[in-house]
């Protein structure tokens, strides 16, 4: 019983950032029967819709999503974006996932939200300090599944990143705008 999980079909996934990885996650979530919401201030509502998600405000996403997953860069706009107030704005019992970058979520505030029972769990692949210190309280929390910034590490993944980077460079050399631009 303690290992039994929950179905995701019928649940609402909220994506913060719906670029290359967020778009792929939206496709998978849709195939699994999830409703997908997305907040991305760098895309139009039409672009978000084309990526199989319903565009919503950040506040609406936090209030409605059963699972919130980060797919945005770490920059001045996103640093500490997820803090005590943001976690409190999330739907009670929601799950928080970050495979984006450490520093977007405040680890102490996340721990508090998990400990007080507001959030049901978290999946973390990124940390403010990588690897995290052995005494990081999130590592020992029963509601946290932790990896060490290795969720996307595979031989094929590295080849894909190299291929995409080379394609981006070739497009820029031709004076074209590459499709996977990250702005700071």
C-alpha atoms as a PDB file:
ATOM      1  CA  UNK A   1       0.000   0.000   0.000  1.00  0.00           C
ATOM      2  CA  UNK A   2       2.784   2.476   0.816  1.00  0.00           C
ATOM      3  CA  UNK A   3       4.143   2.181  -2.730  1.00  0.00           C
ATOM      4  CA  UNK A   4       0.774   2.706  -4.402  1.00  0.00           C
ATOM      5  CA  UNK A   5       0.549   5.859  -6.498  1.00  0.00           C
ATOM      6  CA  UNK A   6      -2.184   7.803  -8.247  1.00  0.00           C
ATOM      7  CA  UNK A   7      -3.379   7.926 -11.857  1.00  0.00           C
ATOM      8  CA  UNK A   8      -2.663  11.135 -13.774  1.00  0.00           C
ATOM      9  CA  UNK A   9      -5.557  10.746 -16.214  1.00  0.00           C
ATOM     10  CA  UNK A  10      -8.094  13.447 -15.502  1.00  0.00           C
ATOM     11  CA  UNK A  11      -5.605  15.555 -13.536  1.00  0.00           C
ATOM     12  CA  UNK A  12      -4.495  19.058 -14.520  1.00  0.00           C
ATOM     13  CA  UNK A  13      -0.848  19.711 -15.360  1.00  0.00           C
ATOM     14  CA  UNK A  14       0.446  23.264 -15.164  1.00  0.00           C
ATOM     15  CA  UNK A  15       3.585  24.055 -17.143  1.00  0.00           C
ATOM     16  CA  UNK A  16       5.675  27.117 -16.335  1.00  0.00           C
ATOM     17  CA  UNK A  17       7.451  27.584 -19.652  1.00  0.00           C
ATOM     18  CA  UNK A  18       6.442  25.647 -22.741  1.00  0.00           C
ATOM     19  CA  UNK A  19       9.531  25.684 -24.918  1.00  0.00           C
ATOM     20  CA  UNK A  20      11.124  22.546 -26.360  1.00  0.00           C
ATOM     21  CA  UNK A  21      10.955  20.387 -23.217  1.00  0.00           C
ATOM     22  CA  UNK A  22       7.683  21.843 -21.931  1.00  0.00           C
ATOM     23  CA  UNK A  23       6.080  21.152 -25.318  1.00  0.00           C
ATOM     24  CA  UNK A  24       7.182  17.523 -25.234  1.00  0.00           C
ATOM     25  CA  UNK A  25       5.813  17.179 -21.704  1.00  0.00           C
ATOM     26  CA  UNK A  26       2.501  18.679 -22.883  1.00  0.00           C
ATOM     27  CA  UNK A  27       2.285  16.052 -25.641  1.00  0.00           C
ATOM     28  CA  UNK A  28       2.926  13.214 -23.209  1.00  0.00           C
ATOM     29  CA  UNK A  29       0.495  14.595 -20.622  1.00  0.00           C
ATOM     30  CA  UNK A  30      -2.229  14.997 -23.255  1.00  0.00           C
ATOM     31  CA  UNK A  31      -1.687  11.404 -24.378  1.00  0.00           C
ATOM     32  CA  UNK A  32      -2.100  10.306 -20.754  1.00  0.00           C
ATOM     33  CA  UNK A  33      -5.469  12.058 -20.515  1.00  0.00           C
ATOM     34  CA  UNK A  34      -4.389  15.140 -18.600  1.00  0.00           C
ATOM     35  CA  UNK A  35      -5.651  18.681 -19.050  1.00  0.00           C
ATOM     36  CA  UNK A  36      -2.616  20.888 -19.763  1.00  0.00           C
ATOM     37  CA  UNK A  37      -2.367  24.551 -18.749  1.00  0.00           C
ATOM     38  CA  UNK A  38       0.660  26.694 -19.554  1.00  0.00           C
ATOM     39  CA  UNK A  39       2.076  30.038 -18.529  1.00  0.00           C
ATOM     40  CA  UNK A  40       4.878  31.434 -20.665  1.00  0.00           C
ATOM     41  CA  UNK A  41       5.258  35.226 -20.869  1.00  0.00           C
ATOM     42  CA  UNK A  42       7.432  34.915 -23.980  1.00  0.00           C
ATOM     43  CA  UNK A  43       4.799  33.209 -26.132  1.00  0.00           C
ATOM     44  CA  UNK A  44       1.435  34.275 -27.503  1.00  0.00           C
ATOM     45  CA  UNK A  45      -1.761  32.468 -26.584  1.00  0.00           C
ATOM     46  CA  UNK A  46      -1.845  31.065 -30.129  1.00  0.00           C
ATOM     47  CA  UNK A  47       1.703  29.675 -29.796  1.00  0.00           C
ATOM     48  CA  UNK A  48       0.855  28.055 -26.450  1.00  0.00           C
ATOM     49  CA  UNK A  49      -2.299  26.539 -27.947  1.00  0.00           C
ATOM     50  CA  UNK A  50      -0.303  25.113 -30.844  1.00  0.00           C
ATOM     51  CA  UNK A  51       1.866  23.357 -28.247  1.00  0.00           C
ATOM     52  CA  UNK A  52      -1.140  21.441 -26.890  1.00  0.00           C
ATOM     53  CA  UNK A  53      -1.779  23.592 -23.828  1.00  0.00           C
ATOM     54  CA  UNK A  54      -4.377  26.093 -22.711  1.00  0.00           C
ATOM     55  CA  UNK A  55      -2.781  29.500 -22.072  1.00  0.00           C
ATOM     56  CA  UNK A  56      -3.538  30.890 -18.612  1.00  0.00           C
ATOM     57  CA  UNK A  57      -2.188  33.443 -16.181  1.00  0.00           C
ATOM     58  CA  UNK A  58       0.293  32.316 -13.551  1.00  0.00           C
ATOM     59  CA  UNK A  59      -2.326  32.834 -10.824  1.00  0.00           C
ATOM     60  CA  UNK A  60      -4.889  30.689 -12.657  1.00  0.00           C
ATOM     61  CA  UNK A  61      -2.337  27.941 -13.278  1.00  0.00           C
ATOM     62  CA  UNK A  62      -1.310  27.811  -9.620  1.00  0.00           C
ATOM     63  CA  UNK A  63      -4.923  27.676  -8.432  1.00  0.00           C
ATOM     64  CA  UNK A  64      -6.018  24.936 -10.860  1.00  0.00           C
ATOM     65  CA  UNK A  65      -3.055  22.613 -11.439  1.00  0.00           C
ATOM     66  CA  UNK A  66      -2.770  19.299  -9.613  1.00  0.00           C
ATOM     67  CA  UNK A  67       0.854  19.146 -10.753  1.00  0.00           C
ATOM     68  CA  UNK A  68       3.032  22.201 -11.453  1.00  0.00           C
ATOM     69  CA  UNK A  69       6.176  21.584 -13.489  1.00  0.00           C
ATOM     70  CA  UNK A  70       8.909  24.141 -14.196  1.00  0.00           C
ATOM     71  CA  UNK A  71      10.469  24.383 -17.663  1.00  0.00           C
ATOM     72  CA  UNK A  72      11.935  27.883 -17.687  1.00  0.00           C
ATOM     73  CA  UNK A  73      15.448  29.326 -17.554  1.00  0.00           C
ATOM     74  CA  UNK A  74      16.989  30.779 -14.419  1.00  0.00           C
ATOM     75  CA  UNK A  75      17.285  34.538 -14.856  1.00  0.00           C
ATOM     76  CA  UNK A  76      16.396  37.721 -12.973  1.00  0.00           C
ATOM     77  CA  UNK A  77      12.733  37.211 -13.868  1.00  0.00           C
ATOM     78  CA  UNK A  78      12.549  33.644 -12.535  1.00  0.00           C
ATOM     79  CA  UNK A  79      15.026  33.634  -9.625  1.00  0.00           C
ATOM     80  CA  UNK A  80      13.042  32.698  -6.462  1.00  0.00           C
ATOM     81  CA  UNK A  81       9.860  32.769  -8.563  1.00  0.00           C
ATOM     82  CA  UNK A  82       8.603  29.884  -6.436  1.00  0.00           C
ATOM     83  CA  UNK A  83       8.687  31.017  -2.819  1.00  0.00           C
ATOM     84  CA  UNK A  84       6.384  30.831   0.222  1.00  0.00           C
ATOM     85  CA  UNK A  85       3.728  32.993  -1.464  1.00  0.00           C
ATOM     86  CA  UNK A  86       3.813  31.056  -4.737  1.00  0.00           C
ATOM     87  CA  UNK A  87       3.671  27.680  -3.005  1.00  0.00           C
ATOM     88  CA  UNK A  88       0.761  28.926  -0.878  1.00  0.00           C
ATOM     89  CA  UNK A  89      -1.058  30.010  -4.065  1.00  0.00           C
ATOM     90  CA  UNK A  90      -0.815  26.471  -5.423  1.00  0.00           C
ATOM     91  CA  UNK A  91      -3.824  24.204  -5.141  1.00  0.00           C
ATOM     92  CA  UNK A  92      -3.809  22.374  -1.787  1.00  0.00           C
ATOM     93  CA  UNK A  93      -2.468  18.851  -2.246  1.00  0.00           C
ATOM     94  CA  UNK A  94      -0.657  19.727  -5.483  1.00  0.00           C
ATOM     95  CA  UNK A  95       2.680  18.283  -6.537  1.00  0.00           C
ATOM     96  CA  UNK A  96       5.618  20.506  -7.486  1.00  0.00           C
ATOM     97  CA  UNK A  97       8.196  19.355 -10.069  1.00  0.00           C
ATOM     98  CA  UNK A  98      11.361  21.107 -11.139  1.00  0.00           C
ATOM     99  CA  UNK A  99      13.763  19.872 -13.764  1.00  0.00           C
ATOM    100  CA  UNK A 100      14.553  23.435 -14.865  1.00  0.00           C
ATOM    101  CA  UNK A 101      17.272  25.151 -12.826  1.00  0.00           C
ATOM    102  CA  UNK A 102      18.107  25.428  -9.150  1.00  0.00           C
ATOM    103  CA  UNK A 103      17.345  28.869  -7.751  1.00  0.00           C
ATOM    104  CA  UNK A 104      13.919  29.176  -9.384  1.00  0.00           C
ATOM    105  CA  UNK A 105      12.357  27.618  -6.308  1.00  0.00           C
ATOM    106  CA  UNK A 106      13.249  28.481  -2.733  1.00  0.00           C
ATOM    107  CA  UNK A 107      14.170  25.184  -1.097  1.00  0.00           C
ATOM    108  CA  UNK A 108      13.373  26.252   2.482  1.00  0.00           C
ATOM    109  CA  UNK A 109       9.939  27.530   1.437  1.00  0.00           C
ATOM    110  CA  UNK A 110       9.245  24.324  -0.494  1.00  0.00           C
ATOM    111  CA  UNK A 111      10.219  22.254   2.543  1.00  0.00           C
ATOM    112  CA  UNK A 112       7.857  24.310   4.716  1.00  0.00           C
ATOM    113  CA  UNK A 113       4.970  23.849   2.242  1.00  0.00           C
ATOM    114  CA  UNK A 114       5.535  20.105   2.212  1.00  0.00           C
ATOM    115  CA  UNK A 115       5.947  19.837   5.971  1.00  0.00           C
ATOM    116  CA  UNK A 116       2.800  21.821   6.770  1.00  0.00           C
ATOM    117  CA  UNK A 117       0.847  19.597   4.356  1.00  0.00           C
ATOM    118  CA  UNK A 118      -0.141  22.274   1.843  1.00  0.00           C
ATOM    119  CA  UNK A 119       1.707  20.449  -0.947  1.00  0.00           C
ATOM    120  CA  UNK A 120       1.479  16.672  -1.330  1.00  0.00           C
ATOM    121  CA  UNK A 121       4.903  16.141  -2.826  1.00  0.00           C
ATOM    122  CA  UNK A 122       7.758  17.304  -4.992  1.00  0.00           C
ATOM    123  CA  UNK A 123      10.003  15.879  -7.676  1.00  0.00           C
ATOM    124  CA  UNK A 124      13.340  17.670  -7.814  1.00  0.00           C
ATOM    125  CA  UNK A 125      16.172  17.238 -10.290  1.00  0.00           C
ATOM    126  CA  UNK A 126      17.745  20.662  -9.727  1.00  0.00           C
ATOM    127  CA  UNK A 127      19.145  22.315  -6.640  1.00  0.00           C
ATOM    128  CA  UNK A 128      20.463  25.711  -5.566  1.00  0.00           C
ATOM    129  CA  UNK A 129      23.726  23.908  -4.763  1.00  0.00           C
ATOM    130  CA  UNK A 130      24.513  20.930  -6.986  1.00  0.00           C
ATOM    131  CA  UNK A 131      24.873  18.360  -5.761  1.00  0.00           C
ATOM    132  CA  UNK A 132      22.809  19.273  -2.705  1.00  0.00           C
ATOM    133  CA  UNK A 133      24.422  19.013   0.707  1.00  0.00           C
ATOM    134  CA  UNK A 134      23.812  15.671   2.409  1.00  0.00           C
ATOM    135  CA  UNK A 135      21.948  17.451   5.207  1.00  0.00           C
ATOM    136  CA  UNK A 136      19.518  19.241   2.858  1.00  0.00           C
ATOM    137  CA  UNK A 137      16.145  18.609   4.565  1.00  0.00           C
ATOM    138  CA  UNK A 138      14.392  18.019   1.241  1.00  0.00           C
ATOM    139  CA  UNK A 139      16.518  14.906   0.665  1.00  0.00           C
ATOM    140  CA  UNK A 140      15.059  13.238   3.735  1.00  0.00           C
ATOM    141  CA  UNK A 141      11.485  14.404   3.283  1.00  0.00           C
ATOM    142  CA  UNK A 142       9.122  11.470   2.589  1.00  0.00           C
ATOM    143  CA  UNK A 143       7.175  13.513   0.022  1.00  0.00           C
ATOM    144  CA  UNK A 144      10.199  14.280  -2.157  1.00  0.00           C
ATOM    145  CA  UNK A 145      11.587  12.248  -5.031  1.00  0.00           C
ATOM    146  CA  UNK A 146      15.097  13.568  -5.622  1.00  0.00           C
ATOM    147  CA  UNK A 147      17.632  13.151  -8.387  1.00  0.00           C
ATOM    148  CA  UNK A 148      20.803  15.113  -8.901  1.00  0.00           C
ATOM    149  CA  UNK A 149      20.357  16.995 -12.177  1.00  0.00           C
ATOM    150  CA  UNK A 150      20.550  13.743 -14.069  1.00  0.00           C
ATOM    151  CA  UNK A 151      16.966  13.234 -15.236  1.00  0.00           C
ATOM    152  CA  UNK A 152      17.863  13.969 -18.858  1.00  0.00           C
ATOM    153  CA  UNK A 153      21.329  12.433 -18.895  1.00  0.00           C
ATOM    154  CA  UNK A 154      21.642   9.737 -21.519  1.00  0.00           C
ATOM    155  CA  UNK A 155      23.914   9.099 -24.481  1.00  0.00           C
ATOM    156  CA  UNK A 156      21.035   9.861 -26.835  1.00  0.00           C
ATOM    157  CA  UNK A 157      20.121  12.990 -24.903  1.00  0.00           C
ATOM    158  CA  UNK A 158      23.661  14.346 -25.186  1.00  0.00           C
ATOM    159  CA  UNK A 159      23.691  13.585 -28.935  1.00  0.00           C
ATOM    160  CA  UNK A 160      20.362  15.379 -29.352  1.00  0.00           C
ATOM    161  CA  UNK A 161      21.615  18.441 -27.467  1.00  0.00           C
ATOM    162  CA  UNK A 162      24.778  18.559 -29.597  1.00  0.00           C
ATOM    163  CA  UNK A 163      22.726  18.175 -32.800  1.00  0.00           C
ATOM    164  CA  UNK A 164      20.308  20.921 -31.753  1.00  0.00           C
ATOM    165  CA  UNK A 165      23.147  23.265 -30.774  1.00  0.00           C
ATOM    166  CA  UNK A 166      24.910  22.717 -34.102  1.00  0.00           C
ATOM    167  CA  UNK A 167      21.663  23.365 -35.963  1.00  0.00           C
ATOM    168  CA  UNK A 168      21.133  26.593 -34.029  1.00  0.00           C
ATOM    169  CA  UNK A 169      24.667  27.776 -34.858  1.00  0.00           C
ATOM    170  CA  UNK A 170      24.210  26.988 -38.560  1.00  0.00           C
ATOM    171  CA  UNK A 171      20.956  28.957 -38.666  1.00  0.00           C
ATOM    172  CA  UNK A 172      22.594  31.950 -36.972  1.00  0.00           C
ATOM    173  CA  UNK A 173      25.505  31.775 -39.434  1.00  0.00           C
ATOM    174  CA  UNK A 174      22.920  32.015 -42.221  1.00  0.00           C
ATOM    175  CA  UNK A 175      21.439  35.110 -40.551  1.00  0.00           C
ATOM    176  CA  UNK A 176      18.282  33.272 -39.454  1.00  0.00           C
ATOM    177  CA  UNK A 177      16.688  33.193 -36.033  1.00  0.00           C
ATOM    178  CA  UNK A 178      17.051  29.742 -34.479  1.00  0.00           C
ATOM    179  CA  UNK A 179      13.870  28.098 -33.143  1.00  0.00           C
ATOM    180  CA  UNK A 180      15.120  27.492 -29.585  1.00  0.00           C
ATOM    181  CA  UNK A 181      16.208  30.932 -28.389  1.00  0.00           C
ATOM    182  CA  UNK A 182      16.485  31.483 -24.640  1.00  0.00           C
ATOM    183  CA  UNK A 183      16.247  35.098 -23.556  1.00  0.00           C
ATOM    184  CA  UNK A 184      17.637  36.372 -20.293  1.00  0.00           C
END
